[in-house]
């Protein structure tokens, strides 16, 4: 039975590993390393540090993982605010994020999005894209979970952007966080571990000592 549990644990580990964001080289995916306030979060890069902040709350939004998340504010009309990070992934590995678009604009179609660029295949994948026309004027859209699975092993970049259109008097925002709920494979591995511990303790209680 013990050998079966170990074999099952190994099999589940191999299934769950591609789904765990922590297996990639992404740094500070949930923004828990801060620093809190204005500026690029640890591990991330932006050309607009006064338009990016790590916060614990924003309007009606709260963190989806841990206690902090990133807010990216649109700036000068027609110039996007970008928050990006370069990292590596193995083939079949999956990363996930929570993202939301919020706007105070009503007259122009500001927009925000999240995408991944694959440097091996020189191709991009859009994970999230919303605008004033899709969420409604002056609306705070909901948190949305998005995922990306690497087609090949190599280098990738995650790119979060938001842009004002028409004017910059009524800014729009893109919010970014890591998902707070473990992937299904992680849950299975945790439950298997609990079961293995329980089985081991039960066997210990049933042991008998025989004296010759």
C-alpha atoms as a PDB file:
ATOM      1  CA  UNK A   1       0.000   0.000   0.000  1.00  0.00           C
ATOM      2  CA  UNK A   2       2.869   2.341   0.845  1.00  0.00           C
ATOM      3  CA  UNK A   3       4.451   1.746  -2.567  1.00  0.00           C
ATOM      4  CA  UNK A   4       1.097   2.452  -4.214  1.00  0.00           C
ATOM      5  CA  UNK A   5       0.749   5.777  -2.366  1.00  0.00           C
ATOM      6  CA  UNK A   6       4.260   6.851  -3.351  1.00  0.00           C
ATOM      7  CA  UNK A   7       3.631   5.930  -6.984  1.00  0.00           C
ATOM      8  CA  UNK A   8       0.318   7.781  -6.981  1.00  0.00           C
ATOM      9  CA  UNK A   9       1.955  10.846  -5.421  1.00  0.00           C
ATOM     10  CA  UNK A  10       4.618  10.866  -8.125  1.00  0.00           C
ATOM     11  CA  UNK A  11       2.003  10.524 -10.863  1.00  0.00           C
ATOM     12  CA  UNK A  12      -0.127  13.338  -9.479  1.00  0.00           C
ATOM     13  CA  UNK A  13       2.923  15.537  -9.033  1.00  0.00           C
ATOM     14  CA  UNK A  14       3.805  15.101 -12.697  1.00  0.00           C
ATOM     15  CA  UNK A  15       0.237  16.025 -13.678  1.00  0.00           C
ATOM     16  CA  UNK A  16      -0.042  19.026 -11.404  1.00  0.00           C
ATOM     17  CA  UNK A  17       3.396  20.563 -12.048  1.00  0.00           C
ATOM     18  CA  UNK A  18       2.538  22.125 -15.458  1.00  0.00           C
ATOM     19  CA  UNK A  19      -0.425  23.892 -13.858  1.00  0.00           C
ATOM     20  CA  UNK A  20       1.516  25.653 -11.094  1.00  0.00           C
ATOM     21  CA  UNK A  21       2.561  29.234 -11.777  1.00  0.00           C
ATOM     22  CA  UNK A  22       5.422  28.980  -9.271  1.00  0.00           C
ATOM     23  CA  UNK A  23       7.252  26.452 -11.498  1.00  0.00           C
ATOM     24  CA  UNK A  24       8.167  29.201 -13.976  1.00  0.00           C
ATOM     25  CA  UNK A  25      10.771  31.879 -13.317  1.00  0.00           C
ATOM     26  CA  UNK A  26       8.171  34.630 -12.838  1.00  0.00           C
ATOM     27  CA  UNK A  27       9.166  36.839  -9.911  1.00  0.00           C
ATOM     28  CA  UNK A  28       6.600  38.334  -7.534  1.00  0.00           C
ATOM     29  CA  UNK A  29       3.585  37.173  -9.570  1.00  0.00           C
ATOM     30  CA  UNK A  30       1.210  37.997  -6.718  1.00  0.00           C
ATOM     31  CA  UNK A  31       2.955  41.302  -5.883  1.00  0.00           C
ATOM     32  CA  UNK A  32       3.419  40.267  -2.246  1.00  0.00           C
ATOM     33  CA  UNK A  33       7.090  41.327  -2.373  1.00  0.00           C
ATOM     34  CA  UNK A  34       5.998  44.918  -3.006  1.00  0.00           C
ATOM     35  CA  UNK A  35       7.207  47.505  -2.602  1.00  0.00           C
ATOM     36  CA  UNK A  36       3.882  49.064  -1.594  1.00  0.00           C
ATOM     37  CA  UNK A  37       3.143  52.363  -3.328  1.00  0.00           C
ATOM     38  CA  UNK A  38       4.194  53.910  -6.613  1.00  0.00           C
ATOM     39  CA  UNK A  39       6.816  52.322  -8.821  1.00  0.00           C
ATOM     40  CA  UNK A  40       7.512  49.040 -10.560  1.00  0.00           C
ATOM     41  CA  UNK A  41       6.908  46.009  -8.313  1.00  0.00           C
ATOM     42  CA  UNK A  42       9.903  43.799  -7.536  1.00  0.00           C
ATOM     43  CA  UNK A  43      10.793  41.734 -10.611  1.00  0.00           C
ATOM     44  CA  UNK A  44       8.701  43.854 -12.978  1.00  0.00           C
ATOM     45  CA  UNK A  45       9.587  46.712 -15.357  1.00  0.00           C
ATOM     46  CA  UNK A  46       7.791  49.853 -16.505  1.00  0.00           C
ATOM     47  CA  UNK A  47       8.714  53.106 -18.237  1.00  0.00           C
ATOM     48  CA  UNK A  48       5.960  54.879 -16.275  1.00  0.00           C
ATOM     49  CA  UNK A  49       6.742  54.325 -12.569  1.00  0.00           C
ATOM     50  CA  UNK A  50       4.357  57.087 -11.502  1.00  0.00           C
ATOM     51  CA  UNK A  51       1.501  55.232 -13.207  1.00  0.00           C
ATOM     52  CA  UNK A  52       2.045  51.866 -11.522  1.00  0.00           C
ATOM     53  CA  UNK A  53       1.392  51.031  -7.883  1.00  0.00           C
ATOM     54  CA  UNK A  54       1.269  48.029  -5.559  1.00  0.00           C
ATOM     55  CA  UNK A  55      -1.741  48.349  -3.265  1.00  0.00           C
ATOM     56  CA  UNK A  56      -3.867  46.366  -0.813  1.00  0.00           C
ATOM     57  CA  UNK A  57      -7.142  47.838  -2.080  1.00  0.00           C
ATOM     58  CA  UNK A  58      -8.351  50.087  -4.880  1.00  0.00           C
ATOM     59  CA  UNK A  59     -11.913  51.367  -5.105  1.00  0.00           C
ATOM     60  CA  UNK A  60     -14.008  48.279  -4.457  1.00  0.00           C
ATOM     61  CA  UNK A  61     -11.237  45.860  -5.423  1.00  0.00           C
ATOM     62  CA  UNK A  62      -9.304  43.661  -2.984  1.00  0.00           C
ATOM     63  CA  UNK A  63      -6.416  41.263  -3.499  1.00  0.00           C
ATOM     64  CA  UNK A  64      -7.203  37.867  -5.000  1.00  0.00           C
ATOM     65  CA  UNK A  65      -3.999  36.252  -3.732  1.00  0.00           C
ATOM     66  CA  UNK A  66      -2.296  37.324  -0.533  1.00  0.00           C
ATOM     67  CA  UNK A  67      -2.854  40.943   0.455  1.00  0.00           C
ATOM     68  CA  UNK A  68      -1.536  43.020  -2.488  1.00  0.00           C
ATOM     69  CA  UNK A  69      -2.012  43.525  -6.221  1.00  0.00           C
ATOM     70  CA  UNK A  70      -0.863  45.890  -8.968  1.00  0.00           C
ATOM     71  CA  UNK A  71      -2.779  48.849 -10.396  1.00  0.00           C
ATOM     72  CA  UNK A  72      -1.700  50.266 -13.746  1.00  0.00           C
ATOM     73  CA  UNK A  73      -3.116  53.692 -14.603  1.00  0.00           C
ATOM     74  CA  UNK A  74      -3.505  55.109 -18.109  1.00  0.00           C
ATOM     75  CA  UNK A  75      -1.486  58.254 -18.683  1.00  0.00           C
ATOM     76  CA  UNK A  76      -1.043  60.708 -21.526  1.00  0.00           C
ATOM     77  CA  UNK A  77      -3.504  60.304 -24.380  1.00  0.00           C
ATOM     78  CA  UNK A  78      -2.366  57.727 -26.925  1.00  0.00           C
ATOM     79  CA  UNK A  79       0.648  56.507 -24.922  1.00  0.00           C
ATOM     80  CA  UNK A  80       0.067  53.147 -23.198  1.00  0.00           C
ATOM     81  CA  UNK A  81       1.264  52.402 -19.678  1.00  0.00           C
ATOM     82  CA  UNK A  82       3.045  49.044 -19.727  1.00  0.00           C
ATOM     83  CA  UNK A  83       4.042  46.694 -16.915  1.00  0.00           C
ATOM     84  CA  UNK A  84       6.117  43.744 -18.112  1.00  0.00           C
ATOM     85  CA  UNK A  85       8.371  40.896 -17.027  1.00  0.00           C
ATOM     86  CA  UNK A  86      10.636  38.490 -18.939  1.00  0.00           C
ATOM     87  CA  UNK A  87      10.697  34.894 -17.696  1.00  0.00           C
ATOM     88  CA  UNK A  88      11.157  31.302 -18.840  1.00  0.00           C
ATOM     89  CA  UNK A  89       8.676  28.417 -19.065  1.00  0.00           C
ATOM     90  CA  UNK A  90       8.869  24.743 -19.875  1.00  0.00           C
ATOM     91  CA  UNK A  91       6.671  23.152 -22.538  1.00  0.00           C
ATOM     92  CA  UNK A  92       3.195  22.360 -21.198  1.00  0.00           C
ATOM     93  CA  UNK A  93       3.577  24.560 -18.132  1.00  0.00           C
ATOM     94  CA  UNK A  94       0.619  26.820 -17.280  1.00  0.00           C
ATOM     95  CA  UNK A  95       0.618  30.203 -15.564  1.00  0.00           C
ATOM     96  CA  UNK A  96      -2.491  32.036 -14.363  1.00  0.00           C
ATOM     97  CA  UNK A  97      -3.395  35.604 -13.425  1.00  0.00           C
ATOM     98  CA  UNK A  98      -6.384  37.574 -12.209  1.00  0.00           C
ATOM     99  CA  UNK A  99      -7.018  40.754 -14.209  1.00  0.00           C
ATOM    100  CA  UNK A 100      -9.653  43.497 -14.259  1.00  0.00           C
ATOM    101  CA  UNK A 101     -10.347  46.682 -16.220  1.00  0.00           C
ATOM    102  CA  UNK A 102     -11.876  49.736 -14.537  1.00  0.00           C
ATOM    103  CA  UNK A 103     -12.642  53.114 -16.079  1.00  0.00           C
ATOM    104  CA  UNK A 104     -13.919  56.569 -15.186  1.00  0.00           C
ATOM    105  CA  UNK A 105     -14.253  57.449 -18.890  1.00  0.00           C
ATOM    106  CA  UNK A 106     -17.600  57.949 -20.595  1.00  0.00           C
ATOM    107  CA  UNK A 107     -16.836  59.720 -23.893  1.00  0.00           C
ATOM    108  CA  UNK A 108     -13.835  57.833 -25.285  1.00  0.00           C
ATOM    109  CA  UNK A 109     -13.013  54.143 -25.704  1.00  0.00           C
ATOM    110  CA  UNK A 110     -10.058  53.649 -23.333  1.00  0.00           C
ATOM    111  CA  UNK A 111      -8.802  50.065 -23.254  1.00  0.00           C
ATOM    112  CA  UNK A 112      -6.612  47.647 -21.328  1.00  0.00           C
ATOM    113  CA  UNK A 113      -5.236  44.184 -21.885  1.00  0.00           C
ATOM    114  CA  UNK A 114      -2.937  41.384 -20.805  1.00  0.00           C
ATOM    115  CA  UNK A 115      -0.891  39.244 -23.156  1.00  0.00           C
ATOM    116  CA  UNK A 116       2.067  36.891 -23.407  1.00  0.00           C
ATOM    117  CA  UNK A 117       4.818  37.142 -26.032  1.00  0.00           C
ATOM    118  CA  UNK A 118       6.654  33.971 -27.061  1.00  0.00           C
ATOM    119  CA  UNK A 119      10.241  34.808 -28.025  1.00  0.00           C
ATOM    120  CA  UNK A 120      10.878  31.322 -29.435  1.00  0.00           C
ATOM    121  CA  UNK A 121       8.063  31.515 -31.980  1.00  0.00           C
ATOM    122  CA  UNK A 122       7.946  35.340 -32.189  1.00  0.00           C
ATOM    123  CA  UNK A 123       4.208  35.297 -31.563  1.00  0.00           C
ATOM    124  CA  UNK A 124       1.860  36.924 -29.096  1.00  0.00           C
ATOM    125  CA  UNK A 125      -1.229  35.632 -27.282  1.00  0.00           C
ATOM    126  CA  UNK A 126      -3.934  37.939 -25.928  1.00  0.00           C
ATOM    127  CA  UNK A 127      -5.238  36.676 -22.591  1.00  0.00           C
ATOM    128  CA  UNK A 128      -7.502  39.599 -21.697  1.00  0.00           C
ATOM    129  CA  UNK A 129      -8.831  42.638 -23.549  1.00  0.00           C
ATOM    130  CA  UNK A 130     -11.518  45.078 -22.424  1.00  0.00           C
ATOM    131  CA  UNK A 131     -12.491  48.644 -23.188  1.00  0.00           C
ATOM    132  CA  UNK A 132     -15.016  51.274 -22.189  1.00  0.00           C
ATOM    133  CA  UNK A 133     -17.368  49.973 -24.868  1.00  0.00           C
ATOM    134  CA  UNK A 134     -17.172  46.406 -23.531  1.00  0.00           C
ATOM    135  CA  UNK A 135     -17.595  47.088 -19.791  1.00  0.00           C
ATOM    136  CA  UNK A 136     -19.637  50.314 -19.960  1.00  0.00           C
ATOM    137  CA  UNK A 137     -18.894  53.961 -19.208  1.00  0.00           C
ATOM    138  CA  UNK A 138     -17.549  54.629 -15.730  1.00  0.00           C
ATOM    139  CA  UNK A 139     -17.621  50.920 -14.873  1.00  0.00           C
ATOM    140  CA  UNK A 140     -15.385  48.741 -12.726  1.00  0.00           C
ATOM    141  CA  UNK A 141     -15.235  45.346 -14.423  1.00  0.00           C
ATOM    142  CA  UNK A 142     -14.934  42.101 -12.427  1.00  0.00           C
ATOM    143  CA  UNK A 143     -11.791  40.148 -11.701  1.00  0.00           C
ATOM    144  CA  UNK A 144     -11.247  37.605 -14.478  1.00  0.00           C
ATOM    145  CA  UNK A 145      -8.959  34.578 -14.322  1.00  0.00           C
ATOM    146  CA  UNK A 146      -6.795  33.991 -17.394  1.00  0.00           C
ATOM    147  CA  UNK A 147      -4.248  31.270 -18.124  1.00  0.00           C
ATOM    148  CA  UNK A 148      -1.495  30.541 -20.615  1.00  0.00           C
ATOM    149  CA  UNK A 149       0.134  27.196 -21.441  1.00  0.00           C
ATOM    150  CA  UNK A 150       3.596  27.261 -23.006  1.00  0.00           C
ATOM    151  CA  UNK A 151       3.684  25.540 -26.429  1.00  0.00           C
ATOM    152  CA  UNK A 152       7.464  25.192 -26.204  1.00  0.00           C
ATOM    153  CA  UNK A 153      10.194  25.660 -23.623  1.00  0.00           C
ATOM    154  CA  UNK A 154      11.829  29.071 -23.806  1.00  0.00           C
ATOM    155  CA  UNK A 155      11.587  32.729 -22.891  1.00  0.00           C
ATOM    156  CA  UNK A 156       8.315  34.635 -22.616  1.00  0.00           C
ATOM    157  CA  UNK A 157       7.120  38.020 -21.420  1.00  0.00           C
ATOM    158  CA  UNK A 158       3.889  38.928 -19.651  1.00  0.00           C
ATOM    159  CA  UNK A 159       2.641  42.355 -20.759  1.00  0.00           C
ATOM    160  CA  UNK A 160      -0.075  44.329 -18.983  1.00  0.00           C
ATOM    161  CA  UNK A 161      -1.128  47.599 -20.620  1.00  0.00           C
ATOM    162  CA  UNK A 162      -3.788  50.297 -20.381  1.00  0.00           C
ATOM    163  CA  UNK A 163      -4.293  53.381 -22.558  1.00  0.00           C
ATOM    164  CA  UNK A 164      -6.318  56.591 -22.613  1.00  0.00           C
ATOM    165  CA  UNK A 165      -8.050  57.423 -25.875  1.00  0.00           C
ATOM    166  CA  UNK A 166      -9.249  60.919 -26.756  1.00  0.00           C
ATOM    167  CA  UNK A 167      -8.127  62.676 -23.570  1.00  0.00           C
ATOM    168  CA  UNK A 168      -6.519  61.934 -20.217  1.00  0.00           C
ATOM    169  CA  UNK A 169      -8.995  63.725 -17.945  1.00  0.00           C
ATOM    170  CA  UNK A 170     -10.888  60.525 -17.043  1.00  0.00           C
ATOM    171  CA  UNK A 171      -8.308  57.769 -16.570  1.00  0.00           C
ATOM    172  CA  UNK A 172      -8.760  54.041 -16.880  1.00  0.00           C
ATOM    173  CA  UNK A 173      -6.988  51.273 -14.953  1.00  0.00           C
ATOM    174  CA  UNK A 174      -5.819  47.699 -15.363  1.00  0.00           C
ATOM    175  CA  UNK A 175      -5.540  45.593 -12.210  1.00  0.00           C
ATOM    176  CA  UNK A 176      -3.333  42.505 -11.984  1.00  0.00           C
ATOM    177  CA  UNK A 177      -2.919  39.765  -9.381  1.00  0.00           C
ATOM    178  CA  UNK A 178      -2.168  36.067  -9.041  1.00  0.00           C
ATOM    179  CA  UNK A 179      -5.075  33.640  -8.549  1.00  0.00           C
ATOM    180  CA  UNK A 180      -5.801  32.864  -4.912  1.00  0.00           C
ATOM    181  CA  UNK A 181      -7.234  29.342  -5.348  1.00  0.00           C
ATOM    182  CA  UNK A 182      -4.843  26.393  -5.943  1.00  0.00           C
ATOM    183  CA  UNK A 183      -5.069  24.651  -9.301  1.00  0.00           C
ATOM    184  CA  UNK A 184      -7.013  21.317  -9.365  1.00  0.00           C
ATOM    185  CA  UNK A 185      -3.795  19.306  -9.529  1.00  0.00           C
ATOM    186  CA  UNK A 186      -2.517  21.073  -6.422  1.00  0.00           C
ATOM    187  CA  UNK A 187      -5.697  20.242  -4.514  1.00  0.00           C
ATOM    188  CA  UNK A 188      -5.402  16.579  -5.544  1.00  0.00           C
ATOM    189  CA  UNK A 189      -1.802  16.428  -4.359  1.00  0.00           C
ATOM    190  CA  UNK A 190      -2.705  18.039  -1.024  1.00  0.00           C
ATOM    191  CA  UNK A 191      -5.575  15.595  -0.441  1.00  0.00           C
ATOM    192  CA  UNK A 192      -3.359  12.651  -1.349  1.00  0.00           C
ATOM    193  CA  UNK A 193      -0.742  13.827   1.156  1.00  0.00           C
ATOM    194  CA  UNK A 194      -3.332  14.101   3.924  1.00  0.00           C
ATOM    195  CA  UNK A 195      -4.590  10.622   3.098  1.00  0.00           C
ATOM    196  CA  UNK A 196      -1.074   9.177   3.167  1.00  0.00           C
ATOM    197  CA  UNK A 197      -0.390  10.706   6.593  1.00  0.00           C
ATOM    198  CA  UNK A 198      -3.678   9.333   7.937  1.00  0.00           C
ATOM    199  CA  UNK A 199      -2.931   5.845   6.586  1.00  0.00           C
ATOM    200  CA  UNK A 200       0.527   5.896   8.138  1.00  0.00           C
ATOM    201  CA  UNK A 201      -0.840   6.945  11.558  1.00  0.00           C
ATOM    202  CA  UNK A 202      -3.511   4.221  11.414  1.00  0.00           C
ATOM    203  CA  UNK A 203      -0.870   1.561  10.720  1.00  0.00           C
ATOM    204  CA  UNK A 204       1.185   2.763  13.690  1.00  0.00           C
ATOM    205  CA  UNK A 205      -1.803   2.439  16.034  1.00  0.00           C
ATOM    206  CA  UNK A 206      -2.353  -1.169  14.889  1.00  0.00           C
ATOM    207  CA  UNK A 207       1.234  -2.314  15.417  1.00  0.00           C
ATOM    208  CA  UNK A 208       1.745  -5.053  17.974  1.00  0.00           C
ATOM    209  CA  UNK A 209       5.017  -5.880  19.725  1.00  0.00           C
ATOM    210  CA  UNK A 210       5.718  -9.571  20.231  1.00  0.00           C
ATOM    211  CA  UNK A 211       8.311 -10.714  22.745  1.00  0.00           C
ATOM    212  CA  UNK A 212      10.031 -14.013  22.230  1.00  0.00           C
END
